[in-house]
Amino acid sequence: MLVNNAGITGVRKPTHEITEEEWDKVMAINVKSVFLCTKHAIPYMRKAGGGGIVNIASVLGMVASPGAPPYIASKAAVRLMSKTDALIYAKEKIRINSVNPGFVWTPLIENFLKSKGDVEGGRKSLDALHPIGHIGEPMDVAYGILYLASDESKFVTGSELVIDGGYTAQ
């Protein structure tokens, strides 16, 4: 089993202000790392007679948002890489899926809100974005990954598990 969970947000500015180096850094970490890990895990999974890969994408790879163009493009790429690879390797009993979390309370989000100077107000704003009424917790995502990594999901490949408190249902 492989879980590809690398990711950075990168710069938060409009596309025309992003340098090529800023773009490439996000793509290298968020997309190229998934490619390289998958590329090197597949031979071992073939030898073992099957396996599974869970790629962590994001709901921000599913919907438009003006916040961080390289991040959004990179997570959309991970989603479609997952589906494409699922088709390529399905006959070899290698299942590949993506998990697409919404906003999850992590040090990344907390530090971003600290940099804005209002953690409590920022948290309330993020909570309000979700029909369920609150931002997610890391365990919400972990349980989705656990399901896709388990034998209970033996008939699941090429799927996108959205764990977002209803964010994308709006």
N, C-alpha and C. Protein backbone atom coordinates (compact mmCIF):
# COMPACT_ATOMS: atom_id res chain seq x y z
N MET A 1 0.84 -1.17 0.00
CA MET A 1 0.00 0.00 0.00
C MET A 1 0.89 1.23 0.00
N LEU A 2 0.49 2.20 -0.80
CA LEU A 2 1.19 3.47 -0.87
C LEU A 2 0.18 4.58 -0.66
N VAL A 3 0.49 5.53 0.21
CA VAL A 3 -0.30 6.74 0.36
C VAL A 3 0.59 7.91 -0.02
N ASN A 4 0.23 8.59 -1.08
CA ASN A 4 0.96 9.79 -1.52
C ASN A 4 0.30 11.00 -0.87
N ASN A 5 0.99 11.57 0.12
CA ASN A 5 0.40 12.64 0.90
C ASN A 5 1.30 13.87 0.98
N ALA A 6 2.06 14.13 -0.04
CA ALA A 6 2.90 15.34 -0.04
C ALA A 6 2.08 16.51 -0.57
N GLY A 7 2.34 17.67 -0.01
CA GLY A 7 1.65 18.83 -0.54
C GLY A 7 2.02 20.11 0.16
N ILE A 8 2.15 21.17 -0.65
CA ILE A 8 2.33 22.52 -0.13
C ILE A 8 1.33 23.42 -0.84
N THR A 9 0.96 24.49 -0.19
CA THR A 9 0.05 25.44 -0.81
C THR A 9 0.77 26.32 -1.82
N GLY A 10 1.97 26.73 -1.49
CA GLY A 10 2.70 27.64 -2.37
C GLY A 10 2.19 29.06 -2.22
N VAL A 11 2.49 29.84 -3.21
CA VAL A 11 2.16 31.27 -3.16
C VAL A 11 0.67 31.51 -3.34
N ARG A 12 0.22 32.59 -2.73
CA ARG A 12 -1.18 33.00 -2.85
C ARG A 12 -1.20 34.35 -3.54
N LYS A 13 -1.18 34.29 -4.86
CA LYS A 13 -1.26 35.51 -5.65
C LYS A 13 -1.80 35.16 -7.03
N PRO A 14 -2.23 36.17 -7.79
CA PRO A 14 -2.81 35.88 -9.11
C PRO A 14 -1.78 35.26 -10.06
N THR A 15 -2.28 34.51 -11.00
CA THR A 15 -1.44 33.78 -11.95
C THR A 15 -0.39 34.67 -12.60
N HIS A 16 -0.75 35.87 -13.03
CA HIS A 16 0.21 36.71 -13.75
C HIS A 16 1.35 37.21 -12.87
N GLU A 17 1.23 37.06 -11.54
CA GLU A 17 2.29 37.47 -10.63
C GLU A 17 3.16 36.31 -10.16
N ILE A 18 2.79 35.09 -10.50
CA ILE A 18 3.52 33.90 -10.06
C ILE A 18 4.74 33.69 -10.96
N THR A 19 5.89 33.48 -10.34
CA THR A 19 7.09 33.19 -11.12
C THR A 19 7.09 31.73 -11.54
N GLU A 20 7.87 31.44 -12.55
CA GLU A 20 7.99 30.06 -13.00
C GLU A 20 8.56 29.19 -11.89
N GLU A 21 9.50 29.72 -11.13
CA GLU A 21 10.09 28.96 -10.03
C GLU A 21 9.05 28.65 -8.95
N GLU A 22 8.17 29.61 -8.64
CA GLU A 22 7.11 29.38 -7.65
C GLU A 22 6.15 28.29 -8.14
N TRP A 23 5.79 28.37 -9.41
CA TRP A 23 4.90 27.36 -10.01
C TRP A 23 5.55 25.98 -9.97
N ASP A 24 6.81 25.91 -10.42
CA ASP A 24 7.51 24.63 -10.49
C ASP A 24 7.69 23.99 -9.12
N LYS A 25 7.91 24.79 -8.09
CA LYS A 25 8.09 24.24 -6.74
C LYS A 25 6.84 23.49 -6.30
N VAL A 26 5.67 24.09 -6.49
CA VAL A 26 4.41 23.45 -6.09
C VAL A 26 4.18 22.19 -6.93
N MET A 27 4.41 22.28 -8.23
CA MET A 27 4.20 21.12 -9.09
C MET A 27 5.16 19.98 -8.75
N ALA A 28 6.39 20.31 -8.40
CA ALA A 28 7.37 19.27 -8.05
C ALA A 28 6.94 18.51 -6.80
N ILE A 29 6.49 19.24 -5.80
CA ILE A 29 6.11 18.59 -4.55
C ILE A 29 4.75 17.92 -4.65
N ASN A 30 3.78 18.59 -5.24
CA ASN A 30 2.40 18.09 -5.23
C ASN A 30 2.09 17.09 -6.35
N VAL A 31 2.78 17.19 -7.48
CA VAL A 31 2.46 16.33 -8.62
C VAL A 31 3.60 15.36 -8.94
N LYS A 32 4.79 15.91 -9.10
CA LYS A 32 5.92 15.05 -9.48
C LYS A 32 6.20 13.99 -8.41
N SER A 33 6.01 14.34 -7.14
CA SER A 33 6.23 13.36 -6.08
C SER A 33 5.26 12.19 -6.19
N VAL A 34 4.01 12.47 -6.53
CA VAL A 34 3.02 11.40 -6.72
C VAL A 34 3.43 10.52 -7.90
N PHE A 35 3.85 11.15 -8.97
CA PHE A 35 4.33 10.41 -10.14
C PHE A 35 5.49 9.49 -9.76
N LEU A 36 6.51 10.06 -9.11
CA LEU A 36 7.71 9.27 -8.80
C LEU A 36 7.44 8.13 -7.82
N CYS A 37 6.67 8.42 -6.78
CA CYS A 37 6.37 7.35 -5.81
C CYS A 37 5.55 6.25 -6.46
N THR A 38 4.57 6.62 -7.27
CA THR A 38 3.75 5.63 -7.97
C THR A 38 4.61 4.82 -8.93
N LYS A 39 5.40 5.51 -9.72
CA LYS A 39 6.28 4.85 -10.70
C LYS A 39 7.14 3.78 -10.04
N HIS A 40 7.68 4.10 -8.88
CA HIS A 40 8.61 3.16 -8.23
C HIS A 40 7.91 2.12 -7.36
N ALA A 41 6.66 2.36 -7.00
CA ALA A 41 5.91 1.36 -6.22
C ALA A 41 5.27 0.31 -7.11
N ILE A 42 4.88 0.67 -8.30
CA ILE A 42 4.16 -0.24 -9.20
C ILE A 42 4.93 -1.55 -9.43
N PRO A 43 6.22 -1.54 -9.71
CA PRO A 43 6.91 -2.83 -9.92
C PRO A 43 6.80 -3.77 -8.71
N TYR A 44 6.87 -3.22 -7.52
CA TYR A 44 6.74 -4.06 -6.31
C TYR A 44 5.32 -4.61 -6.17
N MET A 45 4.33 -3.78 -6.52
CA MET A 45 2.94 -4.24 -6.45
C MET A 45 2.67 -5.31 -7.50
N ARG A 46 3.25 -5.14 -8.68
CA ARG A 46 3.11 -6.16 -9.72
C ARG A 46 3.70 -7.49 -9.23
N LYS A 47 4.87 -7.41 -8.64
CA LYS A 47 5.54 -8.61 -8.14
C LYS A 47 4.72 -9.28 -7.04
N ALA A 48 4.05 -8.47 -6.23
CA ALA A 48 3.23 -8.99 -5.13
C ALA A 48 1.86 -9.49 -5.60
N GLY A 49 1.52 -9.21 -6.84
CA GLY A 49 0.23 -9.65 -7.36
C GLY A 49 -0.91 -8.68 -7.10
N GLY A 50 -0.57 -7.45 -6.76
CA GLY A 50 -1.58 -6.41 -6.55
C GLY A 50 -1.18 -5.45 -5.45
N GLY A 51 -2.04 -4.50 -5.23
CA GLY A 51 -1.77 -3.50 -4.20
C GLY A 51 -2.73 -2.34 -4.30
N GLY A 52 -2.42 -1.31 -3.58
CA GLY A 52 -3.28 -0.14 -3.60
C GLY A 52 -2.49 1.14 -3.42
N ILE A 53 -2.99 2.18 -4.04
CA ILE A 53 -2.41 3.51 -3.91
C ILE A 53 -3.53 4.48 -3.60
N VAL A 54 -3.30 5.30 -2.59
CA VAL A 54 -4.23 6.38 -2.26
C VAL A 54 -3.47 7.69 -2.42
N ASN A 55 -3.96 8.53 -3.32
CA ASN A 55 -3.35 9.83 -3.56
C ASN A 55 -4.20 10.91 -2.88
N ILE A 56 -3.55 11.77 -2.12
CA ILE A 56 -4.27 12.84 -1.45
C ILE A 56 -4.31 14.05 -2.37
N ALA A 57 -5.51 14.36 -2.82
CA ALA A 57 -5.75 15.53 -3.66
C ALA A 57 -6.40 16.59 -2.76
N SER A 58 -7.45 17.23 -3.22
CA SER A 58 -8.12 18.26 -2.43
C SER A 58 -9.41 18.67 -3.12
N VAL A 59 -10.37 19.14 -2.33
CA VAL A 59 -11.56 19.70 -2.95
C VAL A 59 -11.21 20.93 -3.77
N LEU A 60 -10.07 21.57 -3.45
CA LEU A 60 -9.65 22.72 -4.24
C LEU A 60 -9.04 22.31 -5.57
N GLY A 61 -9.00 21.03 -5.85
CA GLY A 61 -8.70 20.53 -7.19
C GLY A 61 -9.97 20.14 -7.93
N MET A 62 -11.11 20.39 -7.28
CA MET A 62 -12.42 20.05 -7.86
C MET A 62 -13.24 21.28 -8.21
N VAL A 63 -12.99 22.37 -7.51
CA VAL A 63 -13.75 23.61 -7.72
C VAL A 63 -12.78 24.76 -7.89
N ALA A 64 -13.22 25.78 -8.58
CA ALA A 64 -12.39 26.96 -8.78
C ALA A 64 -12.30 27.78 -7.50
N SER A 65 -11.14 28.39 -7.32
CA SER A 65 -10.91 29.27 -6.18
C SER A 65 -9.76 30.19 -6.56
N PRO A 66 -9.86 31.47 -6.24
CA PRO A 66 -8.82 32.41 -6.66
C PRO A 66 -7.59 32.42 -5.76
N GLY A 67 -7.56 31.59 -4.72
CA GLY A 67 -6.53 31.70 -3.69
C GLY A 67 -5.11 31.35 -4.07
N ALA A 68 -4.89 30.20 -4.63
CA ALA A 68 -3.53 29.71 -4.89
C ALA A 68 -3.53 28.89 -6.18
N PRO A 69 -3.42 29.53 -7.34
CA PRO A 69 -3.53 28.82 -8.62
C PRO A 69 -2.63 27.60 -8.79
N PRO A 70 -1.35 27.63 -8.38
CA PRO A 70 -0.55 26.42 -8.57
C PRO A 70 -1.05 25.24 -7.73
N TYR A 71 -1.49 25.51 -6.51
CA TYR A 71 -2.00 24.45 -5.65
C TYR A 71 -3.24 23.82 -6.27
N ILE A 72 -4.15 24.64 -6.73
CA ILE A 72 -5.40 24.16 -7.31
C ILE A 72 -5.12 23.32 -8.56
N ALA A 73 -4.25 23.80 -9.42
CA ALA A 73 -3.89 23.04 -10.62
C ALA A 73 -3.21 21.73 -10.26
N SER A 74 -2.35 21.75 -9.25
CA SER A 74 -1.63 20.54 -8.86
C SER A 74 -2.56 19.48 -8.30
N LYS A 75 -3.52 19.88 -7.50
CA LYS A 75 -4.43 18.90 -6.90
C LYS A 75 -5.42 18.37 -7.94
N ALA A 76 -5.78 19.19 -8.93
CA ALA A 76 -6.60 18.69 -10.04
C ALA A 76 -5.80 17.65 -10.83
N ALA A 77 -4.52 17.89 -11.01
CA ALA A 77 -3.67 16.93 -11.71
C ALA A 77 -3.61 15.61 -10.96
N VAL A 78 -3.49 15.66 -9.64
CA VAL A 78 -3.43 14.43 -8.83
C VAL A 78 -4.73 13.64 -8.98
N ARG A 79 -5.86 14.34 -8.99
CA ARG A 79 -7.15 13.64 -9.17
C ARG A 79 -7.17 12.85 -10.47
N LEU A 80 -6.79 13.49 -11.56
CA LEU A 80 -6.87 12.80 -12.86
C LEU A 80 -5.75 11.79 -13.05
N MET A 81 -4.59 12.03 -12.45
CA MET A 81 -3.54 11.00 -12.46
C MET A 81 -4.06 9.74 -11.79
N SER A 82 -4.79 9.91 -10.69
CA SER A 82 -5.32 8.76 -9.95
C SER A 82 -6.27 7.96 -10.82
N LYS A 83 -7.18 8.63 -11.50
CA LYS A 83 -8.14 7.94 -12.36
C LYS A 83 -7.44 7.25 -13.54
N THR A 84 -6.50 7.95 -14.14
CA THR A 84 -5.78 7.39 -15.28
C THR A 84 -4.99 6.15 -14.88
N ASP A 85 -4.25 6.26 -13.77
CA ASP A 85 -3.48 5.11 -13.32
C ASP A 85 -4.39 3.97 -12.88
N ALA A 86 -5.54 4.29 -12.33
CA ALA A 86 -6.50 3.23 -11.95
C ALA A 86 -6.89 2.40 -13.17
N LEU A 87 -7.10 3.07 -14.30
CA LEU A 87 -7.44 2.35 -15.53
C LEU A 87 -6.27 1.53 -16.05
N ILE A 88 -5.08 2.08 -15.95
CA ILE A 88 -3.89 1.39 -16.47
C ILE A 88 -3.61 0.11 -15.69
N TYR A 89 -3.75 0.15 -14.36
CA TYR A 89 -3.29 -0.96 -13.52
C TYR A 89 -4.40 -1.84 -12.94
N ALA A 90 -5.64 -1.57 -13.26
CA ALA A 90 -6.75 -2.34 -12.68
C ALA A 90 -6.64 -3.83 -12.98
N LYS A 91 -6.29 -4.19 -14.18
CA LYS A 91 -6.21 -5.61 -14.56
C LYS A 91 -5.09 -6.33 -13.81
N GLU A 92 -4.20 -5.57 -13.18
CA GLU A 92 -3.11 -6.17 -12.41
C GLU A 92 -3.41 -6.16 -10.91
N LYS A 93 -4.69 -5.91 -10.60
CA LYS A 93 -5.15 -5.90 -9.20
C LYS A 93 -4.46 -4.82 -8.36
N ILE A 94 -4.17 -3.71 -9.02
CA ILE A 94 -3.63 -2.54 -8.32
C ILE A 94 -4.71 -1.47 -8.36
N ARG A 95 -5.23 -1.17 -7.17
CA ARG A 95 -6.31 -0.19 -7.06
C ARG A 95 -5.72 1.18 -6.75
N ILE A 96 -6.21 2.21 -7.43
CA ILE A 96 -5.70 3.57 -7.22
C ILE A 96 -6.89 4.51 -7.09
N ASN A 97 -6.91 5.23 -5.99
CA ASN A 97 -8.00 6.16 -5.68
C ASN A 97 -7.42 7.46 -5.14
N SER A 98 -8.27 8.47 -5.08
CA SER A 98 -7.85 9.72 -4.45
C SER A 98 -8.80 10.07 -3.31
N VAL A 99 -8.24 10.73 -2.34
CA VAL A 99 -9.02 11.32 -1.25
C VAL A 99 -8.93 12.83 -1.45
N ASN A 100 -10.09 13.47 -1.37
CA ASN A 100 -10.17 14.90 -1.62
C ASN A 100 -10.73 15.60 -0.39
N PRO A 101 -9.83 15.96 0.54
CA PRO A 101 -10.30 16.62 1.76
C PRO A 101 -10.71 18.06 1.50
N GLY A 102 -11.64 18.51 2.31
CA GLY A 102 -11.95 19.92 2.37
C GLY A 102 -11.01 20.58 3.36
N PHE A 103 -11.44 21.65 3.96
CA PHE A 103 -10.61 22.33 4.94
C PHE A 103 -10.54 21.48 6.21
N VAL A 104 -9.32 21.20 6.63
CA VAL A 104 -9.07 20.35 7.80
C VAL A 104 -8.17 21.13 8.76
N TRP A 105 -8.54 21.10 10.04
CA TRP A 105 -7.78 21.84 11.04
C TRP A 105 -6.42 21.17 11.27
N THR A 106 -5.40 21.73 10.66
CA THR A 106 -4.03 21.22 10.77
C THR A 106 -3.13 22.39 11.14
N PRO A 107 -1.88 22.13 11.50
CA PRO A 107 -0.95 23.23 11.76
C PRO A 107 -0.81 24.19 10.56
N LEU A 108 -0.94 23.67 9.34
CA LEU A 108 -0.86 24.52 8.15
C LEU A 108 -1.96 25.59 8.18
N ILE A 109 -3.19 25.18 8.44
CA ILE A 109 -4.31 26.13 8.50
C ILE A 109 -4.15 27.05 9.70
N GLU A 110 -3.81 26.49 10.85
CA GLU A 110 -3.67 27.30 12.06
C GLU A 110 -2.57 28.35 11.89
N ASN A 111 -1.43 27.96 11.32
CA ASN A 111 -0.35 28.92 11.11
C ASN A 111 -0.72 29.98 10.09
N PHE A 112 -1.48 29.59 9.06
CA PHE A 112 -1.95 30.59 8.09
C PHE A 112 -2.83 31.62 8.79
N LEU A 113 -3.74 31.15 9.63
CA LEU A 113 -4.62 32.08 10.35
C LEU A 113 -3.85 32.92 11.34
N LYS A 114 -2.82 32.36 11.96
CA LYS A 114 -1.96 33.14 12.86
C LYS A 114 -1.28 34.27 12.09
N SER A 115 -0.84 33.97 10.87
CA SER A 115 -0.17 34.99 10.06
C SER A 115 -1.13 36.12 9.68
N LYS A 116 -2.42 35.81 9.67
CA LYS A 116 -3.44 36.83 9.38
C LYS A 116 -3.86 37.57 10.65
N GLY A 117 -3.45 37.04 11.82
CA GLY A 117 -3.69 37.72 13.08
C GLY A 117 -5.02 37.44 13.76
N ASP A 118 -5.78 36.45 13.26
CA ASP A 118 -7.08 36.18 13.88
C ASP A 118 -7.43 34.71 13.74
N VAL A 119 -6.86 33.89 14.61
CA VAL A 119 -7.10 32.45 14.53
C VAL A 119 -8.57 32.14 14.84
N GLU A 120 -9.10 32.71 15.90
CA GLU A 120 -10.49 32.40 16.29
C GLU A 120 -11.49 32.85 15.24
N GLY A 121 -11.34 34.06 14.74
CA GLY A 121 -12.25 34.55 13.70
C GLY A 121 -12.10 33.79 12.41
N GLY A 122 -10.85 33.43 12.07
CA GLY A 122 -10.60 32.65 10.86
C GLY A 122 -11.21 31.27 10.95
N ARG A 123 -11.12 30.68 12.13
CA ARG A 123 -11.71 29.35 12.32
C ARG A 123 -13.23 29.42 12.16
N LYS A 124 -13.85 30.45 12.73
CA LYS A 124 -15.30 30.60 12.59
C LYS A 124 -15.68 30.79 11.12
N SER A 125 -14.87 31.53 10.38
CA SER A 125 -15.15 31.73 8.95
C SER A 125 -15.04 30.42 8.18
N LEU A 126 -14.02 29.63 8.51
CA LEU A 126 -13.87 28.33 7.86
C LEU A 126 -15.00 27.38 8.24
N ASP A 127 -15.37 27.39 9.51
CA ASP A 127 -16.50 26.55 9.94
C ASP A 127 -17.76 26.88 9.13
N ALA A 128 -17.97 28.16 8.90
CA ALA A 128 -19.17 28.62 8.20
C ALA A 128 -19.21 28.19 6.73
N LEU A 129 -18.07 27.85 6.16
CA LEU A 129 -18.03 27.41 4.76
C LEU A 129 -18.62 26.02 4.55
N HIS A 130 -18.80 25.28 5.63
CA HIS A 130 -19.20 23.88 5.55
C HIS A 130 -20.63 23.69 6.03
N PRO A 131 -21.49 23.12 5.20
CA PRO A 131 -22.87 22.88 5.61
C PRO A 131 -22.98 22.09 6.91
N ILE A 132 -22.02 21.23 7.18
CA ILE A 132 -22.06 20.43 8.41
C ILE A 132 -21.76 21.30 9.64
N GLY A 133 -21.24 22.51 9.42
CA GLY A 133 -21.07 23.48 10.49
C GLY A 133 -19.69 23.63 11.09
N HIS A 134 -18.74 22.83 10.62
CA HIS A 134 -17.39 22.94 11.18
C HIS A 134 -16.36 22.42 10.19
N ILE A 135 -15.14 22.86 10.40
CA ILE A 135 -14.00 22.40 9.62
C ILE A 135 -13.70 20.95 10.02
N GLY A 136 -13.04 20.21 9.14
CA GLY A 136 -12.72 18.83 9.43
C GLY A 136 -11.56 18.67 10.39
N GLU A 137 -11.39 17.43 10.85
CA GLU A 137 -10.27 17.07 11.71
C GLU A 137 -9.43 16.03 10.98
N PRO A 138 -8.14 15.93 11.28
CA PRO A 138 -7.29 14.97 10.58
C PRO A 138 -7.83 13.53 10.59
N MET A 139 -8.45 13.11 11.68
CA MET A 139 -8.97 11.75 11.74
C MET A 139 -10.11 11.51 10.75
N ASP A 140 -10.84 12.56 10.40
CA ASP A 140 -11.89 12.41 9.39
C ASP A 140 -11.29 11.91 8.08
N VAL A 141 -10.16 12.46 7.73
CA VAL A 141 -9.47 12.08 6.49
C VAL A 141 -8.77 10.73 6.67
N ALA A 142 -8.17 10.53 7.83
CA ALA A 142 -7.45 9.27 8.09
C ALA A 142 -8.36 8.06 7.94
N TYR A 143 -9.61 8.16 8.43
CA TYR A 143 -10.52 7.03 8.31
C TYR A 143 -10.89 6.75 6.85
N GLY A 144 -10.98 7.78 6.03
CA GLY A 144 -11.22 7.56 4.61
C GLY A 144 -10.06 6.86 3.94
N ILE A 145 -8.85 7.28 4.29
CA ILE A 145 -7.65 6.63 3.76
C ILE A 145 -7.60 5.17 4.22
N LEU A 146 -7.90 4.95 5.48
CA LEU A 146 -7.90 3.59 6.03
C LEU A 146 -8.85 2.70 5.25
N TYR A 147 -10.04 3.19 4.94
CA TYR A 147 -10.98 2.41 4.15
C TYR A 147 -10.39 2.05 2.79
N LEU A 148 -9.84 3.03 2.09
CA LEU A 148 -9.31 2.77 0.76
C LEU A 148 -8.06 1.88 0.79
N ALA A 149 -7.36 1.88 1.90
CA ALA A 149 -6.18 1.03 2.05
C ALA A 149 -6.54 -0.39 2.46
N SER A 150 -7.77 -0.60 2.89
CA SER A 150 -8.16 -1.91 3.43
C SER A 150 -8.75 -2.81 2.34
N ASP A 151 -8.87 -4.08 2.69
CA ASP A 151 -9.50 -5.04 1.79
C ASP A 151 -11.00 -4.79 1.64
N GLU A 152 -11.58 -4.03 2.56
CA GLU A 152 -13.01 -3.70 2.45
C GLU A 152 -13.31 -2.89 1.19
N SER A 153 -12.30 -2.27 0.61
CA SER A 153 -12.52 -1.47 -0.61
C SER A 153 -12.01 -2.21 -1.85
N LYS A 154 -12.04 -3.53 -1.83
CA LYS A 154 -11.47 -4.33 -2.91
C LYS A 154 -12.13 -4.11 -4.27
N PHE A 155 -13.32 -3.51 -4.29
CA PHE A 155 -14.02 -3.25 -5.55
C PHE A 155 -14.01 -1.76 -5.89
N VAL A 156 -13.10 -1.01 -5.26
CA VAL A 156 -13.04 0.44 -5.45
C VAL A 156 -11.72 0.81 -6.11
N THR A 157 -11.81 1.35 -7.31
CA THR A 157 -10.63 1.90 -7.98
C THR A 157 -11.07 3.01 -8.91
N GLY A 158 -10.22 4.00 -9.05
CA GLY A 158 -10.55 5.17 -9.88
C GLY A 158 -11.56 6.09 -9.23
N SER A 159 -11.77 5.93 -7.95
CA SER A 159 -12.77 6.73 -7.24
C SER A 159 -12.14 7.92 -6.54
N GLU A 160 -13.00 8.86 -6.24
CA GLU A 160 -12.60 10.05 -5.50
C GLU A 160 -13.45 10.11 -4.23
N LEU A 161 -12.81 9.95 -3.10
CA LEU A 161 -13.52 10.05 -1.84
C LEU A 161 -13.42 11.50 -1.36
N VAL A 162 -14.55 12.17 -1.36
CA VAL A 162 -14.60 13.57 -0.96
C VAL A 162 -14.98 13.62 0.52
N ILE A 163 -14.11 14.23 1.32
CA ILE A 163 -14.32 14.34 2.77
C ILE A 163 -14.26 15.82 3.08
N ASP A 164 -15.43 16.47 2.97
CA ASP A 164 -15.42 17.94 3.02
C ASP A 164 -16.56 18.59 3.76
N GLY A 165 -17.30 17.86 4.56
CA GLY A 165 -18.38 18.47 5.33
C GLY A 165 -19.44 19.15 4.49
N GLY A 166 -19.56 18.72 3.24
CA GLY A 166 -20.56 19.28 2.33
C GLY A 166 -20.11 20.49 1.54
N TYR A 167 -18.84 20.86 1.65
CA TYR A 167 -18.31 22.05 0.96
C TYR A 167 -18.60 22.04 -0.54
N THR A 168 -18.34 20.91 -1.21
CA THR A 168 -18.54 20.86 -2.67
C THR A 168 -19.97 20.57 -3.07
N ALA A 169 -20.84 20.29 -2.10
CA ALA A 169 -22.25 20.03 -2.43
C ALA A 169 -23.03 21.33 -2.63
N GLN A 170 -22.43 22.43 -2.32
CA GLN A 170 -23.12 23.74 -2.41
C GLN A 170 -23.18 24.23 -3.84
